[in-house]
């Protein structure tokens, strides 16, 4: 485009291609923003997952204390059948809220008079935040995919406008002048690493 500004008579070709160029830049900026938002959403998932992990650890520790205070109760084994919390915490981001929901249901089944019963509410809150974060990430990923498609379409439109302007300039004047305004774009090729 700069070449159109620098060559006499190039302004008319610049006016024809500039909207496509500006559209491509706007779509590319929207893609960057959407990618950044997806990364932020992924970070939020990690944060909310850690918060859920903390609530489950608190429950696990309190259940172990309860078992010590009331020998033979086996509350830890009821809530965490594998005996430890690690198997629950290493679940994927998508599966852990469901596993935690089952644990919260077990805590609620102990009854309102049980000392661990109030912990179920905190776990349910953390589960809700995890699920919200997962949904926000899914939406952000969808927006990013749409933005990528828009960039691809804008690139295609720009290429077509570039080519059309080249051919119009060649038709109006000559091929040499058209190449001054719109030089052929060569694909980027990596140099051989052996050289």
Protein backbone atom coordinates (compact mmCIF):
# COMPACT_ATOMS: atom_id res chain seq x y z
CA UNK A 1 0.00 0.00 0.00
CA UNK A 2 2.89 2.31 0.72
CA UNK A 3 4.01 1.81 -2.86
CA UNK A 4 0.66 3.10 -4.09
CA UNK A 5 1.26 6.29 -2.11
CA UNK A 6 4.79 6.68 -3.47
CA UNK A 7 4.02 6.15 -7.17
CA UNK A 8 2.22 8.74 -9.24
CA UNK A 9 -1.33 7.67 -10.04
CA UNK A 10 -1.36 4.96 -7.40
CA UNK A 11 -3.95 6.65 -5.19
CA UNK A 12 -6.90 5.25 -7.11
CA UNK A 13 -5.62 1.70 -6.54
CA UNK A 14 -4.91 2.46 -2.91
CA UNK A 15 -8.52 3.54 -2.36
CA UNK A 16 -9.70 0.21 -3.78
CA UNK A 17 -7.52 -1.99 -1.55
CA UNK A 18 -7.29 0.01 1.67
CA UNK A 19 -10.70 -1.06 3.08
CA UNK A 20 -9.69 -4.72 2.70
CA UNK A 21 -6.37 -4.04 4.39
CA UNK A 22 -8.03 -2.22 7.27
CA UNK A 23 -10.61 -4.99 7.61
CA UNK A 24 -7.85 -7.60 7.80
CA UNK A 25 -6.02 -5.62 10.49
CA UNK A 26 -9.22 -5.19 12.52
CA UNK A 27 -10.00 -8.92 12.28
CA UNK A 28 -6.42 -9.83 13.23
CA UNK A 29 -6.66 -7.57 16.28
CA UNK A 30 -9.98 -9.18 17.24
CA UNK A 31 -8.29 -12.60 16.94
CA UNK A 32 -5.48 -11.49 19.28
CA UNK A 33 -8.01 -10.21 21.79
CA UNK A 34 -10.07 -13.40 21.64
CA UNK A 35 -6.94 -15.54 22.05
CA UNK A 36 -5.93 -13.47 25.06
CA UNK A 37 -9.44 -13.89 26.52
CA UNK A 38 -9.26 -17.66 26.02
CA UNK A 39 -5.94 -17.80 27.88
CA UNK A 40 -7.44 -15.74 30.70
CA UNK A 41 -10.42 -18.11 30.82
CA UNK A 42 -8.03 -21.09 31.02
CA UNK A 43 -6.19 -19.41 33.88
CA UNK A 44 -9.52 -18.89 35.63
CA UNK A 45 -10.24 -22.62 35.29
CA UNK A 46 -6.92 -23.39 36.95
CA UNK A 47 -7.65 -20.95 39.77
CA UNK A 48 -11.17 -22.27 40.40
CA UNK A 49 -9.89 -25.84 40.26
CA UNK A 50 -7.28 -25.02 42.90
CA UNK A 51 -9.98 -23.45 45.06
CA UNK A 52 -12.08 -26.62 44.74
CA UNK A 53 -9.00 -28.69 45.59
CA UNK A 54 -8.52 -26.60 48.73
CA UNK A 55 -12.10 -27.22 49.84
CA UNK A 56 -11.71 -30.96 49.24
CA UNK A 57 -8.42 -30.99 51.18
CA UNK A 58 -10.10 -29.23 54.09
CA UNK A 59 -12.87 -31.82 54.06
CA UNK A 60 -10.37 -34.66 53.86
CA UNK A 61 -8.37 -33.30 56.80
CA UNK A 62 -11.51 -32.71 58.87
CA UNK A 63 -12.74 -36.23 58.07
CA UNK A 64 -9.41 -37.68 59.25
CA UNK A 65 -9.68 -35.62 62.47
CA UNK A 66 -13.23 -36.86 62.94
CA UNK A 67 -12.04 -40.47 62.51
CA UNK A 68 -9.37 -39.88 65.17
CA UNK A 69 -11.90 -38.34 67.56
CA UNK A 70 -14.46 -41.09 66.93
CA UNK A 71 -12.56 -44.36 66.37
CA UNK A 72 -14.33 -46.79 64.10
CA UNK A 73 -16.38 -44.13 62.29
CA UNK A 74 -14.53 -44.61 58.95
CA UNK A 75 -15.83 -41.30 57.63
CA UNK A 76 -12.72 -40.76 55.51
CA UNK A 77 -13.27 -44.11 53.80
CA UNK A 78 -16.91 -43.21 53.15
CA UNK A 79 -16.11 -39.84 51.59
CA UNK A 80 -12.88 -40.86 49.85
CA UNK A 81 -13.19 -44.59 49.06
CA UNK A 82 -9.62 -44.91 47.78
CA UNK A 83 -8.35 -43.66 51.13
CA UNK A 84 -6.54 -40.60 49.87
CA UNK A 85 -7.51 -37.40 48.16
CA UNK A 86 -4.93 -37.54 45.38
CA UNK A 87 -7.10 -39.67 43.10
CA UNK A 88 -9.79 -36.99 43.31
CA UNK A 89 -7.46 -34.03 42.80
CA UNK A 90 -5.77 -35.44 39.69
CA UNK A 91 -9.03 -35.70 37.75
CA UNK A 92 -9.31 -33.54 34.65
CA UNK A 93 -10.79 -30.06 34.98
CA UNK A 94 -13.99 -31.34 33.37
CA UNK A 95 -14.39 -34.43 35.59
CA UNK A 96 -13.35 -33.11 38.99
CA UNK A 97 -16.53 -31.04 39.62
CA UNK A 98 -18.67 -34.16 39.10
CA UNK A 99 -16.53 -36.21 41.48
CA UNK A 100 -16.62 -33.36 44.01
CA UNK A 101 -20.40 -33.21 43.62
CA UNK A 102 -20.64 -36.88 44.62
CA UNK A 103 -18.48 -36.17 47.67
CA UNK A 104 -20.65 -33.18 48.63
CA UNK A 105 -23.74 -35.40 48.30
CA UNK A 106 -22.16 -37.91 50.69
CA UNK A 107 -21.42 -35.12 53.20
CA UNK A 108 -25.01 -33.87 52.95
CA UNK A 109 -26.30 -37.40 53.51
CA UNK A 110 -24.61 -37.34 56.94
CA UNK A 111 -27.36 -34.98 58.09
CA UNK A 112 -27.51 -31.37 59.22
CA UNK A 113 -26.44 -32.27 62.75
CA UNK A 114 -23.11 -33.70 61.59
CA UNK A 115 -20.12 -31.37 62.19
CA UNK A 116 -18.91 -31.74 58.58
CA UNK A 117 -22.29 -30.91 57.04
CA UNK A 118 -21.55 -27.15 56.59
CA UNK A 119 -18.52 -28.00 54.44
CA UNK A 120 -20.83 -29.31 51.70
CA UNK A 121 -22.03 -25.78 50.96
CA UNK A 122 -18.46 -24.50 50.44
CA UNK A 123 -17.73 -27.46 48.15
CA UNK A 124 -20.90 -26.83 46.15
CA UNK A 125 -19.97 -23.16 45.77
CA UNK A 126 -16.50 -24.14 44.48
CA UNK A 127 -18.10 -26.66 42.11
CA UNK A 128 -20.38 -23.97 40.71
CA UNK A 129 -17.44 -21.63 40.16
CA UNK A 130 -15.50 -24.41 38.40
CA UNK A 131 -18.40 -25.17 36.10
CA UNK A 132 -18.87 -21.46 35.35
CA UNK A 133 -15.17 -21.15 34.51
CA UNK A 134 -15.36 -24.20 32.23
CA UNK A 135 -18.35 -22.72 30.42
CA UNK A 136 -16.62 -19.33 30.08
CA UNK A 137 -13.57 -21.08 28.58
CA UNK A 138 -15.74 -22.96 26.11
CA UNK A 139 -17.39 -19.70 25.05
CA UNK A 140 -14.00 -17.96 24.76
CA UNK A 141 -12.67 -20.83 22.62
CA UNK A 142 -15.73 -20.57 20.36
CA UNK A 143 -15.23 -16.81 19.99
CA UNK A 144 -11.56 -17.40 19.15
CA UNK A 145 -12.47 -20.00 16.51
CA UNK A 146 -14.97 -17.60 14.96
CA UNK A 147 -12.38 -14.81 14.97
CA UNK A 148 -9.89 -17.14 13.26
CA UNK A 149 -12.45 -17.85 10.55
CA UNK A 150 -13.06 -14.12 10.11
CA UNK A 151 -9.31 -13.54 9.72
CA UNK A 152 -9.07 -16.30 7.12
CA UNK A 153 -11.95 -14.76 5.16
CA UNK A 154 -10.44 -11.27 5.45
CA UNK A 155 -7.10 -12.65 4.17
CA UNK A 156 -8.84 -14.21 1.20
CA UNK A 157 -10.67 -10.94 0.46
CA UNK A 158 -7.42 -9.00 0.74
CA UNK A 159 -5.60 -11.40 -1.60
CA UNK A 160 -8.41 -11.12 -4.14
CA UNK A 161 -8.43 -7.31 -3.91
CA UNK A 162 -4.62 -7.28 -4.25
CA UNK A 163 -4.80 -9.46 -7.32
CA UNK A 164 -7.71 -7.51 -8.81
CA UNK A 165 -5.87 -4.22 -8.29
CA UNK A 166 -2.71 -5.65 -9.83
CA UNK A 167 -4.62 -6.73 -12.91
CA UNK A 168 -6.50 -3.43 -13.11
CA UNK A 169 -3.26 -1.45 -12.89
CA UNK A 170 -1.71 -3.66 -15.57
CA UNK A 171 -4.76 -3.16 -17.74
CA UNK A 172 -4.82 0.62 -17.19
CA UNK A 173 -1.10 1.13 -17.80
CA UNK A 174 1.32 -1.76 -18.14
CA UNK A 175 2.53 -4.80 -16.23
CA UNK A 176 5.72 -3.11 -15.06
CA UNK A 177 3.78 -0.26 -13.42
CA UNK A 178 1.41 -2.78 -11.83
CA UNK A 179 4.38 -4.61 -10.33
CA UNK A 180 5.69 -1.34 -8.90
CA UNK A 181 2.39 -0.83 -7.09
CA UNK A 182 1.69 -4.46 -6.22
CA UNK A 183 4.84 -6.59 -6.18
CA UNK A 184 4.34 -10.31 -6.25
CA UNK A 185 4.12 -11.73 -2.77
CA UNK A 186 6.38 -14.71 -2.37
CA UNK A 187 5.60 -17.29 0.31
CA UNK A 188 7.99 -17.33 3.23
CA UNK A 189 10.47 -20.16 2.96
CA UNK A 190 12.79 -21.25 5.74
CA UNK A 191 16.42 -21.58 4.79
CA UNK A 192 17.86 -25.04 4.98
CA UNK A 193 19.39 -25.62 8.37
CA UNK A 194 22.32 -27.45 6.82
CA UNK A 195 23.62 -24.36 5.01
